[in-house]
């Protein structure tokens, strides 16, 4: 069985595009290894933040900036800028881990081919559930300081819990869509931040870890039929959802901006064709 995937590859592909509108303003955010933060200024409807780092001696890092827009009136500001200083060794280690698991046999991954011999869909679901879970476990240590700092920024700007969720969603949705040429076709979350692009499941994994910092339960929705992957959130008051373990998980399209929690593209509306991948307890 092939292990290829990606938004236009054999298993996890075919991502959906929408139009978005843009405006400007700025949030600056920098990050590296040890973290000492200095807030320089906050002005009405114009938030400028600068972050300095402690003990960066002998460390190589990537400096990457993101600027994106959010519809007017969502919360204080409508345009944001984040700058990350990402330690090179963290990206290198994440990619080495990805390469290592890409070379594992199905038995080494923990999937018994004989159990799923007559059910290829369940086989692939279990394979990707374990792979995604391993990537999440490996990258948590790299994303933890980032999400703690993002939480500080959001708290400093008096965002509600709903504002925080939508802020992180808008950030990840506005990361450029591109299929990564990496082992297994999936980018580790810290590598996505460095590369400034990702495909459907790579972006979903990054948002999974960011929302975990807000204690928002998440799963991955996977559809071999639609050749696509999305994030699932345990959130309230929405419509497009699936029940798993007694909880309701709502669909979130992370590939492009503009999609809200609980919205499915019309051509992907059959929830019976989506499978829940629970990444806990891998």
Protein backbone atom coordinates (compact mmCIF):
# COMPACT_ATOMS: atom_id res chain seq x y z
CA UNK A 1 0.00 0.00 0.00
CA UNK A 2 1.34 3.42 -0.92
CA UNK A 3 1.97 5.96 1.80
CA UNK A 4 1.75 9.02 -0.48
CA UNK A 5 -0.46 11.88 0.64
CA UNK A 6 -0.98 15.55 0.12
CA UNK A 7 -3.75 17.82 -1.02
CA UNK A 8 -3.46 16.79 -4.67
CA UNK A 9 -1.88 13.40 -4.13
CA UNK A 10 -3.49 10.01 -3.75
CA UNK A 11 -4.84 10.20 -0.20
CA UNK A 12 -4.95 13.60 1.48
CA UNK A 13 -5.44 16.25 -1.18
CA UNK A 14 -7.68 18.32 -3.37
CA UNK A 15 -7.81 21.51 -1.30
CA UNK A 16 -10.54 24.11 -1.75
CA UNK A 17 -9.91 27.82 -2.45
CA UNK A 18 -11.85 30.97 -1.58
CA UNK A 19 -11.42 34.73 -2.07
CA UNK A 20 -10.29 36.95 0.81
CA UNK A 21 -9.96 40.71 1.35
CA UNK A 22 -6.98 42.50 2.88
CA UNK A 23 -6.18 45.55 5.08
CA UNK A 24 -3.07 46.60 7.20
CA UNK A 25 -1.87 47.14 10.75
CA UNK A 26 0.75 45.34 12.79
CA UNK A 27 1.65 42.95 15.53
CA UNK A 28 5.35 42.10 15.76
CA UNK A 29 6.34 38.90 17.51
CA UNK A 30 9.84 37.39 17.79
CA UNK A 31 10.87 34.13 19.37
CA UNK A 32 14.05 32.11 20.01
CA UNK A 33 15.35 29.45 22.39
CA UNK A 34 15.05 31.24 25.80
CA UNK A 35 12.28 33.78 26.06
CA UNK A 36 12.36 37.26 27.67
CA UNK A 37 9.60 39.54 26.39
CA UNK A 38 9.42 43.35 26.34
CA UNK A 39 6.19 45.08 25.40
CA UNK A 40 7.10 48.39 23.78
CA UNK A 41 3.78 50.02 23.01
CA UNK A 42 0.07 49.52 22.68
CA UNK A 43 -2.01 52.13 20.91
CA UNK A 44 -5.73 52.19 20.22
CA UNK A 45 -6.41 50.03 17.13
CA UNK A 46 -2.67 49.90 16.43
CA UNK A 47 -0.85 47.22 18.37
CA UNK A 48 2.91 47.08 18.13
CA UNK A 49 4.78 44.47 20.11
CA UNK A 50 8.47 43.72 20.16
CA UNK A 51 9.96 40.63 21.75
CA UNK A 52 13.59 40.30 22.75
CA UNK A 53 15.30 37.04 23.57
CA UNK A 54 17.66 35.93 26.28
CA UNK A 55 20.90 34.04 25.75
CA UNK A 56 20.88 33.54 22.00
CA UNK A 57 24.66 33.05 21.93
CA UNK A 58 25.85 30.29 19.65
CA UNK A 59 22.36 29.69 18.27
CA UNK A 60 21.41 29.82 14.62
CA UNK A 61 17.83 30.75 13.87
CA UNK A 62 15.43 31.52 11.06
CA UNK A 63 13.61 34.85 11.10
CA UNK A 64 10.22 34.70 9.37
CA UNK A 65 7.40 37.23 9.27
CA UNK A 66 3.69 36.83 8.66
CA UNK A 67 1.23 39.57 7.85
CA UNK A 68 -2.46 38.88 7.32
CA UNK A 69 -5.84 40.53 7.52
CA UNK A 70 -9.04 39.78 9.35
CA UNK A 71 -12.49 41.25 8.64
CA UNK A 72 -13.13 44.67 10.17
CA UNK A 73 -14.95 44.60 13.48
CA UNK A 74 -13.90 41.08 14.54
CA UNK A 75 -11.92 42.44 17.48
CA UNK A 76 -9.67 45.46 18.09
CA UNK A 77 -7.63 45.24 14.93
CA UNK A 78 -8.11 43.99 11.40
CA UNK A 79 -4.53 43.38 10.26
CA UNK A 80 -1.67 41.65 12.06
CA UNK A 81 2.04 41.03 11.82
CA UNK A 82 3.94 38.27 13.62
CA UNK A 83 7.69 37.72 13.36
CA UNK A 84 9.15 34.46 14.63
CA UNK A 85 12.82 33.74 15.32
CA UNK A 86 12.87 29.95 15.16
CA UNK A 87 15.95 28.00 16.34
CA UNK A 88 17.48 26.12 13.42
CA UNK A 89 18.19 23.02 15.49
CA UNK A 90 14.48 22.65 16.29
CA UNK A 91 13.54 22.62 12.60
CA UNK A 92 16.40 20.23 11.83
CA UNK A 93 15.38 17.85 14.62
CA UNK A 94 11.72 17.89 13.54
CA UNK A 95 12.68 17.03 9.96
CA UNK A 96 15.03 14.26 11.10
CA UNK A 97 12.21 12.76 13.12
CA UNK A 98 9.88 12.95 10.11
CA UNK A 99 12.47 11.22 7.92
CA UNK A 100 12.90 8.49 10.53
CA UNK A 101 9.20 7.62 10.78
CA UNK A 102 8.85 7.78 6.98
CA UNK A 103 11.31 4.87 6.77
CA UNK A 104 9.48 2.71 9.30
CA UNK A 105 7.59 -0.36 8.17
CA UNK A 106 3.89 -0.60 8.91
CA UNK A 107 4.69 -2.99 11.76
CA UNK A 108 7.22 -0.54 13.21
CA UNK A 109 4.64 2.25 12.98
CA UNK A 110 2.16 0.01 14.78
CA UNK A 111 -0.31 -0.92 12.04
CA UNK A 112 -1.01 -4.60 11.44
CA UNK A 113 -1.70 -5.03 7.72
CA UNK A 114 -3.39 -8.38 8.31
CA UNK A 115 -6.05 -6.77 10.53
CA UNK A 116 -7.04 -4.30 7.81
CA UNK A 117 -6.44 -6.55 4.78
CA UNK A 118 -10.05 -6.27 3.60
CA UNK A 119 -10.55 -2.65 4.66
CA UNK A 120 -8.02 -0.31 3.05
CA UNK A 121 -9.83 2.82 4.27
CA UNK A 122 -9.53 1.80 7.92
CA UNK A 123 -5.93 0.77 7.28
CA UNK A 124 -4.99 4.21 5.96
CA UNK A 125 -6.96 5.94 8.70
CA UNK A 126 -5.05 4.03 11.35
CA UNK A 127 -1.70 4.60 9.61
CA UNK A 128 -2.17 8.37 9.34
CA UNK A 129 -3.65 8.60 12.82
CA UNK A 130 -0.45 7.15 14.26
CA UNK A 131 1.86 9.18 11.99
CA UNK A 132 0.08 12.45 12.76
CA UNK A 133 0.07 11.61 16.47
CA UNK A 134 3.82 10.97 16.48
CA UNK A 135 4.44 14.28 14.68
CA UNK A 136 2.27 16.12 17.21
CA UNK A 137 4.05 14.50 20.17
CA UNK A 138 7.48 15.31 18.71
CA UNK A 139 6.64 18.95 17.91
CA UNK A 140 4.84 19.88 21.13
CA UNK A 141 8.10 20.91 22.82
CA UNK A 142 8.87 23.34 19.98
CA UNK A 143 5.39 24.88 19.77
CA UNK A 144 4.74 25.18 23.53
CA UNK A 145 6.75 28.42 24.04
CA UNK A 146 5.21 29.93 20.90
CA UNK A 147 1.65 29.29 21.98
CA UNK A 148 2.37 30.56 25.51
CA UNK A 149 3.59 33.84 24.04
CA UNK A 150 0.64 34.05 21.66
CA UNK A 151 -1.65 33.57 24.64
CA UNK A 152 0.09 36.48 26.40
CA UNK A 153 -0.40 38.70 23.36
CA UNK A 154 -4.07 37.77 23.13
CA UNK A 155 -4.61 38.34 26.86
CA UNK A 156 -2.87 41.72 26.68
CA UNK A 157 -5.34 42.73 23.99
CA UNK A 158 -8.37 41.62 26.01
CA UNK A 159 -9.47 38.98 23.54
CA UNK A 160 -12.36 36.76 24.58
CA UNK A 161 -12.01 32.99 24.36
CA UNK A 162 -13.84 33.10 21.03
CA UNK A 163 -11.57 35.89 19.77
CA UNK A 164 -8.52 33.82 20.65
CA UNK A 165 -9.75 30.78 18.75
CA UNK A 166 -10.59 32.86 15.68
CA UNK A 167 -7.29 34.76 15.87
CA UNK A 168 -5.30 31.51 15.71
CA UNK A 169 -7.56 30.15 12.98
CA UNK A 170 -7.08 33.27 10.85
CA UNK A 171 -3.31 33.07 11.31
CA UNK A 172 -3.06 29.46 10.12
CA UNK A 173 -5.59 29.88 7.31
CA UNK A 174 -3.52 32.74 5.92
CA UNK A 175 -0.34 30.69 5.70
CA UNK A 176 0.28 30.10 2.00
CA UNK A 177 -0.99 26.83 0.55
CA UNK A 178 1.64 24.67 -1.14
CA UNK A 179 2.31 20.94 -1.15
CA UNK A 180 5.62 20.37 0.67
CA UNK A 181 8.27 18.17 -0.93
CA UNK A 182 9.16 16.35 2.27
CA UNK A 183 8.97 12.73 3.46
CA UNK A 184 5.36 11.51 3.63
CA UNK A 185 4.24 14.83 2.12
CA UNK A 186 3.39 16.30 5.54
CA UNK A 187 5.23 19.17 7.22
CA UNK A 188 5.92 19.17 10.98
CA UNK A 189 4.31 22.21 12.69
CA UNK A 190 7.62 23.96 13.53
CA UNK A 191 8.77 23.42 9.93
CA UNK A 192 5.52 24.93 8.63
CA UNK A 193 6.24 28.11 10.59
CA UNK A 194 9.74 28.25 9.14
CA UNK A 195 8.72 27.45 5.56
CA UNK A 196 5.75 29.88 5.58
CA UNK A 197 3.66 27.46 3.53
CA UNK A 198 1.96 24.09 3.95
CA UNK A 199 -0.81 21.87 2.63
CA UNK A 200 -4.10 20.80 4.20
CA UNK A 201 -2.99 18.34 6.86
CA UNK A 202 0.24 20.19 7.65
CA UNK A 203 -1.73 23.36 8.46
CA UNK A 204 -4.28 21.35 10.43
CA UNK A 205 -1.50 19.87 12.60
CA UNK A 206 -0.07 23.32 13.36
CA UNK A 207 -3.48 24.67 14.36
CA UNK A 208 -4.11 21.50 16.40
CA UNK A 209 -1.10 22.33 18.58
CA UNK A 210 -1.89 26.05 18.83
CA UNK A 211 -5.48 25.39 19.93
CA UNK A 212 -4.28 22.79 22.40
CA UNK A 213 -2.77 25.76 24.27
CA UNK A 214 -6.32 27.10 24.69
CA UNK A 215 -7.54 23.68 25.90
CA UNK A 216 -9.70 23.27 22.78
CA UNK A 217 -10.10 19.51 22.10
CA UNK A 218 -9.25 18.69 18.48
CA UNK A 219 -9.15 15.75 16.08
CA UNK A 220 -8.20 15.39 12.44
CA UNK A 221 -10.95 14.74 9.89
CA UNK A 222 -9.72 12.65 6.96
CA UNK A 223 -11.58 11.71 3.79
CA UNK A 224 -10.10 9.32 1.21
CA UNK A 225 -13.16 10.05 -0.96
CA UNK A 226 -12.59 13.81 -1.02
CA UNK A 227 -8.80 13.39 -0.85
CA UNK A 228 -8.62 16.01 1.86
CA UNK A 229 -7.96 16.59 5.56
CA UNK A 230 -9.41 19.15 7.99
CA UNK A 231 -9.27 19.99 11.65
CA UNK A 232 -12.12 19.01 13.95
CA UNK A 233 -12.91 21.16 17.02
CA UNK A 234 -15.04 20.34 20.04
CA UNK A 235 -16.94 23.63 19.91
CA UNK A 236 -20.55 24.69 20.51
CA UNK A 237 -23.43 26.14 18.51
CA UNK A 238 -22.46 25.06 15.01
CA UNK A 239 -23.84 22.76 12.32
CA UNK A 240 -21.38 20.71 10.24
CA UNK A 241 -20.09 18.19 12.75
CA UNK A 242 -19.50 14.55 13.63
CA UNK A 243 -20.00 12.80 16.96
CA UNK A 244 -16.95 11.00 18.38
CA UNK A 245 -16.67 9.57 21.89
CA UNK A 246 -19.84 11.36 22.92
CA UNK A 247 -18.46 14.76 21.87
CA UNK A 248 -19.34 16.90 18.88
CA UNK A 249 -16.45 17.87 16.62
CA UNK A 250 -16.99 20.67 14.13
CA UNK A 251 -15.29 20.89 10.78
CA UNK A 252 -12.75 23.63 10.11
CA UNK A 253 -11.22 24.21 6.68
CA UNK A 254 -7.65 25.41 7.33
CA UNK A 255 -6.39 25.45 3.75
CA UNK A 256 -7.51 28.97 2.80
CA UNK A 257 -8.84 32.06 4.62
CA UNK A 258 -12.50 32.83 5.06
CA UNK A 259 -13.85 29.54 6.38
CA UNK A 260 -15.53 29.65 9.77
CA UNK A 261 -15.84 26.89 12.35
CA UNK A 262 -18.62 24.51 11.36
CA UNK A 263 -18.54 25.25 7.62
CA UNK A 264 -17.93 22.59 5.00
CA UNK A 265 -17.36 23.26 1.29
CA UNK A 266 -20.62 22.35 -0.52
CA UNK A 267 -18.92 19.64 -2.56
CA UNK A 268 -17.61 17.98 0.63
CA UNK A 269 -20.79 18.09 2.71
CA UNK A 270 -21.39 14.35 3.16
CA UNK A 271 -20.12 13.79 6.71
CA UNK A 272 -20.43 10.02 6.28
CA UNK A 273 -17.40 10.25 3.98
CA UNK A 274 -15.23 11.80 6.68
CA UNK A 275 -13.33 9.78 9.29
CA UNK A 276 -12.21 10.92 12.74
CA UNK A 277 -8.52 10.50 13.59
CA UNK A 278 -8.02 10.79 17.35
CA UNK A 279 -4.36 11.69 17.91
CA UNK A 280 -4.40 11.13 21.66
CA UNK A 281 -2.72 8.12 23.26
CA UNK A 282 -0.67 7.11 20.23
